[in-house]
Amino acid sequence: MHTVIRFERPGHPEVLEAFLAKAPAPTEGEVLLKQRAVGVNFLDVTQRNGAVPIPLPSGLGLEGAGIVEAIGSGVEGFRPGDRVAYATGPLGAYAASRCIPASRLVKLPDDVSFEDAAAVLFKGITAQYLLKSTYEVKAGTKVMIYGVAGGVGDIMARWAKHLGAYVIGVVSRAVSIDKAKAAGCDDVFVFDAEQLPRQVAAATNGDKVDVVYDPIGRSTFNCSLECLRPRGLMVSFGASSGAPATVEVSQLNAKGSLFLTRPSLAAHTATDAEYQERAADVISALRAGIIVARIWRTFPLLDVAQAHEALESGHSQGTIVLIP
């Protein structure tokens, strides 16, 4: 028997319930994984509270790390005892054991801990595709990143700086400024919709930025457009304040022939080959110290509601990991 977290209806963290279930047997192409660490992401919160609808009842969680216990028929390249990690789902990571397609597993080097892998892989793949595919960040690129004191933002700031970018970080509170600077930001501003475009223009000698990475959504969208240079790219990839309002195409023209995109992780990891390539790049960056696993706190799996409360309330100061 093993512990599984499920929920039957959207709502507050208390809807997450623990159940004892028989450990599943891997089917063709699957691996049975004994999990040692499970990553918690803000997407988990939005799926739990109904902002991002999923079929219910359901498990939750999209990334984890652990040890292979058994393999199903047709699986090659893995054997019991292997240290592995995964990200991007399928849903159900909040469990002590689970079966998962072998094609989504990534082998872990001995110098990468289960906790670090579970903290970084999902967020790292997000950062990787945003910085290397959505907009190719390189030496001299001017970027603006929101939420640089958080999990994805911290990884993006460090990686963008390594690629040679000039990084402007935006935080919600002054207490986060030091953390943002520690992540490599050249300038850090506390969000103020009226002041930010002027601050960005001053910091870039009037040029403004080539690309804005905005996971906030409705409350920051228009301000983000004002921070872009002519023909700059607005990357709206989250909606923690709600989905952005509908955009008039003429608005993009009026602000300097701006480009706008709404990318998704799913579209950038749709094939196993692309997923594995991005995951390998993240693990390499972690091992090289380009990015770090900034774990704020670990919670026992049974305390998952407390973990969600900490993340949703904004009290967390880094990544949260569940320990089965």
Protein backbone atom coordinates (compact mmCIF):
# COMPACT_ATOMS: atom_id res chain seq x y z
CA MET A 1 0.00 0.00 0.00
CA HIS A 2 1.13 3.54 -0.66
CA THR A 3 -0.14 7.08 -0.12
CA VAL A 4 -1.87 8.96 -2.94
CA ILE A 5 -3.22 12.53 -2.82
CA ARG A 6 -6.48 13.13 -4.71
CA PHE A 7 -9.30 15.64 -4.81
CA GLU A 8 -12.89 15.40 -5.97
CA ARG A 9 -13.86 19.06 -6.36
CA PRO A 10 -12.02 22.34 -6.87
CA GLY A 11 -11.49 24.51 -3.83
CA HIS A 12 -9.16 25.51 -1.03
CA PRO A 13 -6.16 23.35 -0.04
CA GLU A 14 -8.34 21.27 2.30
CA VAL A 15 -9.89 19.52 -0.73
CA LEU A 16 -6.63 17.58 -1.09
CA GLU A 17 -7.09 14.22 0.63
CA ALA A 18 -4.73 11.33 1.32
CA PHE A 19 -5.71 7.76 0.45
CA LEU A 20 -4.01 4.41 0.84
CA ALA A 21 -3.91 2.47 -2.40
CA LYS A 22 -2.27 -0.65 -3.72
CA ALA A 23 0.94 0.12 -5.60
CA PRO A 24 0.18 -0.08 -9.34
CA ALA A 25 1.90 -2.46 -11.74
CA PRO A 26 3.60 -0.94 -14.80
CA THR A 27 1.96 -1.67 -18.15
CA GLU A 28 3.65 -1.72 -21.53
CA GLY A 29 6.09 1.18 -21.88
CA GLU A 30 5.76 2.20 -18.25
CA VAL A 31 8.04 2.25 -15.22
CA LEU A 32 7.00 1.90 -11.57
CA LEU A 33 8.75 4.64 -9.65
CA LYS A 34 9.24 4.86 -5.88
CA GLN A 35 9.25 8.59 -5.39
CA ARG A 36 11.74 10.35 -3.14
CA ALA A 37 10.73 13.95 -3.90
CA VAL A 38 7.84 15.71 -5.62
CA GLY A 39 7.94 19.24 -7.01
CA VAL A 40 5.16 21.74 -6.25
CA ASN A 41 4.33 24.31 -8.92
CA PHE A 42 1.87 27.18 -9.10
CA LEU A 43 0.09 25.31 -11.89
CA ASP A 44 -0.83 22.71 -9.26
CA VAL A 45 -2.56 25.43 -7.26
CA THR A 46 -4.55 26.68 -10.25
CA GLN A 47 -5.63 23.14 -11.13
CA ARG A 48 -6.68 22.51 -7.54
CA ASN A 49 -8.68 25.73 -7.18
CA GLY A 50 -10.37 25.36 -10.57
CA ALA A 51 -8.73 28.29 -12.35
CA VAL A 52 -7.24 25.72 -14.73
CA PRO A 53 -9.97 23.07 -15.10
CA ILE A 54 -9.05 19.37 -15.14
CA PRO A 55 -11.31 16.29 -15.14
CA LEU A 56 -12.28 15.31 -11.59
CA PRO A 57 -11.72 13.36 -9.41
CA SER A 58 -8.01 13.52 -10.03
CA GLY A 59 -4.53 13.28 -8.65
CA LEU A 60 -2.23 16.28 -8.80
CA GLY A 61 1.38 17.13 -9.52
CA LEU A 62 3.51 17.09 -12.65
CA GLU A 63 7.08 16.38 -11.57
CA GLY A 64 9.03 14.16 -9.26
CA ALA A 65 12.18 12.12 -8.76
CA GLY A 66 12.91 8.71 -7.34
CA ILE A 67 14.10 5.16 -7.95
CA VAL A 68 12.87 2.70 -10.55
CA GLU A 69 11.21 -0.28 -8.83
CA ALA A 70 9.89 -2.25 -11.81
CA ILE A 71 9.60 -1.94 -15.58
CA GLY A 72 6.82 -2.88 -17.94
CA SER A 73 7.16 -4.78 -21.22
CA GLY A 74 8.91 -2.98 -24.03
CA VAL A 75 10.88 -0.64 -21.78
CA GLU A 76 14.53 -0.22 -22.75
CA GLY A 77 17.29 1.82 -21.16
CA PHE A 78 16.04 1.55 -17.57
CA ARG A 79 16.34 -1.06 -14.86
CA PRO A 80 15.34 -1.36 -11.20
CA GLY A 81 17.53 0.84 -8.99
CA ASP A 82 18.04 3.62 -11.55
CA ARG A 83 17.81 7.17 -10.22
CA VAL A 84 15.40 9.16 -12.39
CA ALA A 85 13.26 12.29 -12.59
CA TYR A 86 10.42 13.56 -14.76
CA ALA A 87 8.40 16.70 -15.44
CA THR A 88 5.35 17.84 -17.46
CA GLY A 89 3.14 15.00 -16.20
CA PRO A 90 0.99 13.04 -16.59
CA LEU A 91 -0.89 14.23 -13.49
CA GLY A 92 -0.42 12.21 -10.32
CA ALA A 93 2.98 13.12 -8.91
CA TYR A 94 1.53 13.62 -5.42
CA ALA A 95 2.02 9.97 -4.47
CA ALA A 96 4.57 7.72 -2.79
CA SER A 97 4.75 5.49 -5.88
CA ARG A 98 3.44 5.82 -9.39
CA CYS A 99 3.68 4.45 -12.90
CA ILE A 100 4.89 6.78 -15.61
CA PRO A 101 5.82 6.40 -19.30
CA ALA A 102 9.50 5.52 -19.59
CA SER A 103 9.81 7.99 -22.46
CA ARG A 104 9.31 10.88 -19.99
CA LEU A 105 11.98 9.75 -17.54
CA VAL A 106 15.37 11.43 -17.29
CA LYS A 107 18.31 9.61 -15.69
CA LEU A 108 19.83 11.51 -12.78
CA PRO A 109 23.58 11.79 -12.32
CA ASP A 110 24.78 10.82 -8.84
CA ASP A 111 25.68 14.44 -8.05
CA VAL A 112 22.07 15.66 -8.52
CA SER A 113 19.85 15.00 -5.51
CA PHE A 114 16.23 13.87 -5.80
CA GLU A 115 15.12 17.07 -4.05
CA ASP A 116 17.06 19.32 -6.43
CA ALA A 117 15.75 17.49 -9.49
CA ALA A 118 12.15 17.71 -8.30
CA ALA A 119 12.61 21.40 -7.53
CA VAL A 120 14.16 22.38 -10.84
CA LEU A 121 13.11 20.20 -13.78
CA PHE A 122 9.60 21.53 -14.52
CA LYS A 123 10.55 25.15 -13.89
CA GLY A 124 13.86 24.69 -15.67
CA ILE A 125 12.27 23.32 -18.85
CA THR A 126 9.92 26.30 -18.82
CA ALA A 127 12.87 28.69 -18.52
CA GLN A 128 14.80 26.78 -21.18
CA TYR A 129 12.19 27.02 -23.91
CA LEU A 130 11.39 30.65 -23.09
CA LEU A 131 15.03 31.75 -23.26
CA LYS A 132 16.18 29.56 -26.12
CA SER A 133 13.13 29.02 -28.35
CA THR A 134 10.47 31.66 -27.71
CA TYR A 135 13.15 34.35 -27.95
CA GLU A 136 16.80 33.47 -28.48
CA VAL A 137 18.48 35.33 -25.65
CA LYS A 138 22.18 36.00 -26.24
CA ALA A 139 24.93 38.46 -25.42
CA GLY A 140 23.55 41.97 -25.41
CA THR A 141 19.87 41.04 -25.29
CA LYS A 142 17.87 43.25 -22.94
CA VAL A 143 15.27 41.22 -21.07
CA MET A 144 12.68 42.02 -18.42
CA ILE A 145 11.48 39.21 -16.17
CA TYR A 146 8.69 39.36 -13.61
CA GLY A 147 8.78 37.34 -10.41
CA VAL A 148 12.54 36.93 -10.27
CA ALA A 149 12.32 36.15 -6.55
CA GLY A 150 10.19 33.07 -7.36
CA GLY A 151 11.06 29.66 -8.71
CA VAL A 152 10.81 30.13 -12.49
CA GLY A 153 11.96 33.75 -12.35
CA ASP A 154 15.09 32.92 -10.37
CA ILE A 155 16.09 30.25 -12.89
CA MET A 156 15.35 32.53 -15.84
CA ALA A 157 17.36 35.43 -14.42
CA ARG A 158 20.41 33.27 -13.72
CA TRP A 159 20.26 31.55 -17.10
CA ALA A 160 19.66 34.77 -19.05
CA LYS A 161 22.63 36.38 -17.31
CA HIS A 162 24.80 33.38 -18.20
CA LEU A 163 23.75 33.81 -21.84
CA GLY A 164 25.03 37.39 -21.73
CA ALA A 165 21.77 39.30 -21.37
CA TYR A 166 21.15 42.57 -19.56
CA VAL A 167 18.52 41.47 -17.05
CA ILE A 168 15.88 43.71 -15.49
CA GLY A 169 13.99 41.96 -12.73
CA VAL A 170 10.56 42.98 -11.47
CA VAL A 171 9.39 42.00 -7.98
CA SER A 172 6.20 42.64 -6.02
CA ARG A 173 7.84 43.68 -2.75
CA ALA A 174 10.98 45.55 -1.73
CA VAL A 175 11.97 42.66 0.53
CA SER A 176 12.63 40.60 -2.63
CA ILE A 177 15.15 43.00 -4.17
CA ASP A 178 18.22 41.37 -2.63
CA LYS A 179 17.11 37.92 -3.79
CA ALA A 180 16.62 39.22 -7.30
CA LYS A 181 20.08 40.78 -7.34
CA ALA A 182 21.56 37.53 -6.04
CA ALA A 183 19.99 35.81 -9.06
CA GLY A 184 22.03 38.07 -11.34
CA CYS A 185 19.66 40.91 -12.21
CA ASP A 186 21.40 44.09 -13.35
CA ASP A 187 18.47 46.22 -12.20
CA VAL A 188 15.52 45.36 -9.97
CA PHE A 189 12.29 47.35 -9.71
CA VAL A 190 9.30 46.92 -7.44
CA PHE A 191 6.25 46.78 -9.68
CA ASP A 192 4.43 50.06 -10.12
CA ALA A 193 2.46 50.25 -13.36
CA GLU A 194 2.94 54.01 -13.67
CA GLN A 195 6.65 54.08 -12.85
CA LEU A 196 7.98 50.90 -14.43
CA PRO A 197 8.09 52.00 -18.12
CA ARG A 198 10.01 55.15 -17.14
CA GLN A 199 12.37 53.14 -14.93
CA VAL A 200 13.06 50.65 -17.72
CA ALA A 201 13.65 53.41 -20.24
CA ALA A 202 16.10 55.13 -17.88
CA ALA A 203 17.96 51.89 -17.14
CA THR A 204 18.42 51.19 -20.87
CA ASN A 205 19.30 54.73 -21.97
CA GLY A 206 15.93 55.03 -23.66
CA ASP A 207 16.16 51.81 -25.63
CA LYS A 208 13.73 49.77 -23.48
CA VAL A 209 13.91 45.97 -23.66
CA ASP A 210 13.94 43.43 -26.47
CA VAL A 211 11.68 40.94 -24.70
CA VAL A 212 9.39 40.90 -21.67
CA TYR A 213 8.62 37.62 -19.89
CA ASP A 214 5.32 38.13 -18.09
CA PRO A 215 3.73 35.31 -16.04
CA ILE A 216 1.45 37.66 -14.11
CA GLY A 217 -1.20 38.40 -16.71
CA ARG A 218 -4.02 40.90 -16.38
CA SER A 219 -2.50 43.35 -13.91
CA THR A 220 0.84 43.74 -15.71
CA PHE A 221 0.03 43.23 -19.39
CA ASN A 222 -0.40 46.83 -20.58
CA CYS A 223 2.56 48.01 -18.54
CA SER A 224 4.70 45.28 -20.09
CA LEU A 225 3.88 46.52 -23.59
CA GLU A 226 5.10 49.98 -22.60
CA CYS A 227 8.49 48.57 -21.61
CA LEU A 228 9.26 47.11 -25.05
CA ARG A 229 11.36 48.64 -27.79
CA PRO A 230 9.87 48.92 -31.28
CA ARG A 231 9.42 45.41 -32.71
CA GLY A 232 10.05 43.93 -29.27
CA LEU A 233 8.43 40.69 -28.14
CA MET A 234 5.83 40.38 -25.39
CA VAL A 235 5.84 36.85 -23.92
CA SER A 236 2.71 36.25 -21.84
CA PHE A 237 3.13 32.80 -20.33
CA GLY A 238 1.15 32.86 -17.09
CA ALA A 239 -1.89 34.38 -15.47
CA SER A 240 -1.43 34.55 -11.70
CA SER A 241 -3.49 37.79 -11.66
CA GLY A 242 -5.99 36.52 -14.22
CA ALA A 243 -5.89 36.15 -17.99
CA PRO A 244 -4.92 39.31 -19.90
CA ALA A 245 -7.74 41.24 -21.51
CA THR A 246 -8.40 40.88 -25.23
CA VAL A 247 -5.82 42.75 -27.29
CA GLU A 248 -6.67 44.95 -30.25
CA VAL A 249 -4.20 44.14 -33.02
CA SER A 250 -3.94 47.83 -33.83
CA GLN A 251 -2.56 48.40 -30.31
CA LEU A 252 0.54 46.38 -31.18
CA ASN A 253 1.07 48.50 -34.28
CA ALA A 254 0.60 51.76 -32.41
CA LYS A 255 3.20 50.82 -29.80
CA GLY A 256 5.92 50.12 -32.36
CA SER A 257 5.00 47.03 -34.37
CA LEU A 258 5.27 44.81 -31.31
CA PHE A 259 5.16 41.03 -31.41
CA LEU A 260 2.99 39.06 -28.98
CA THR A 261 3.03 35.37 -28.11
CA ARG A 262 1.30 33.12 -25.59
CA PRO A 263 3.51 30.00 -25.47
CA SER A 264 2.88 26.79 -23.54
CA LEU A 265 5.14 24.15 -22.05
CA ALA A 266 3.05 21.41 -23.67
CA ALA A 267 3.67 22.75 -27.17
CA HIS A 268 7.43 22.85 -26.50
CA THR A 269 7.66 19.30 -25.12
CA ALA A 270 5.11 17.64 -27.41
CA THR A 271 7.54 15.01 -28.69
CA ASP A 272 9.67 12.79 -26.50
CA ALA A 273 12.79 13.88 -28.38
CA GLU A 274 12.18 17.58 -27.73
CA TYR A 275 11.29 16.93 -24.10
CA GLN A 276 14.46 14.91 -23.54
CA GLU A 277 16.63 17.54 -25.23
CA ARG A 278 15.26 20.33 -23.05
CA ALA A 279 15.43 18.23 -19.87
CA ALA A 280 19.06 17.31 -20.57
CA ASP A 281 19.92 20.99 -21.03
CA VAL A 282 18.33 21.78 -17.65
CA ILE A 283 20.23 19.02 -15.85
CA SER A 284 23.49 20.19 -17.46
CA ALA A 285 22.82 23.78 -16.39
CA LEU A 286 22.09 22.61 -12.84
CA ARG A 287 25.30 20.57 -12.64
CA ALA A 288 27.33 23.48 -14.04
CA GLY A 289 25.94 25.89 -11.45
CA ILE A 290 24.30 28.08 -14.11
CA ILE A 291 20.99 27.58 -12.31
CA VAL A 292 20.39 26.44 -8.73
CA ALA A 293 17.68 24.56 -6.86
CA ARG A 294 16.58 27.24 -4.44
CA ILE A 295 14.47 25.09 -2.14
CA TRP A 296 12.64 27.14 0.46
CA ARG A 297 11.11 24.27 2.39
CA THR A 298 10.23 20.59 2.20
CA PHE A 299 6.90 19.23 3.48
CA PRO A 300 5.86 15.64 4.16
CA LEU A 301 3.47 14.46 1.47
CA LEU A 302 0.68 14.26 4.05
CA ASP A 303 1.13 18.01 4.73
CA VAL A 304 0.37 18.90 1.11
CA ALA A 305 -2.42 21.32 2.13
CA GLN A 306 0.07 23.35 4.17
CA ALA A 307 2.45 23.41 1.22
CA HIS A 308 -0.29 24.77 -1.05
CA GLU A 309 -1.27 27.38 1.52
CA ALA A 310 2.32 28.62 1.70
CA LEU A 311 2.64 28.85 -2.08
CA GLU A 312 -0.76 30.40 -2.71
CA SER A 313 -0.43 32.99 0.05
CA GLY A 314 2.92 34.25 -1.22
CA HIS A 315 4.68 33.33 2.01
CA SER A 316 7.09 30.96 0.30
CA GLN A 317 10.51 32.35 -0.59
CA GLY A 318 11.58 29.70 -3.05
CA THR A 319 10.62 26.28 -4.32
CA ILE A 320 8.53 23.84 -2.29
CA VAL A 321 9.19 20.10 -2.39
CA LEU A 322 7.04 17.29 -1.00
CA ILE A 323 8.73 14.24 0.55
CA PRO A 324 6.64 11.01 0.30
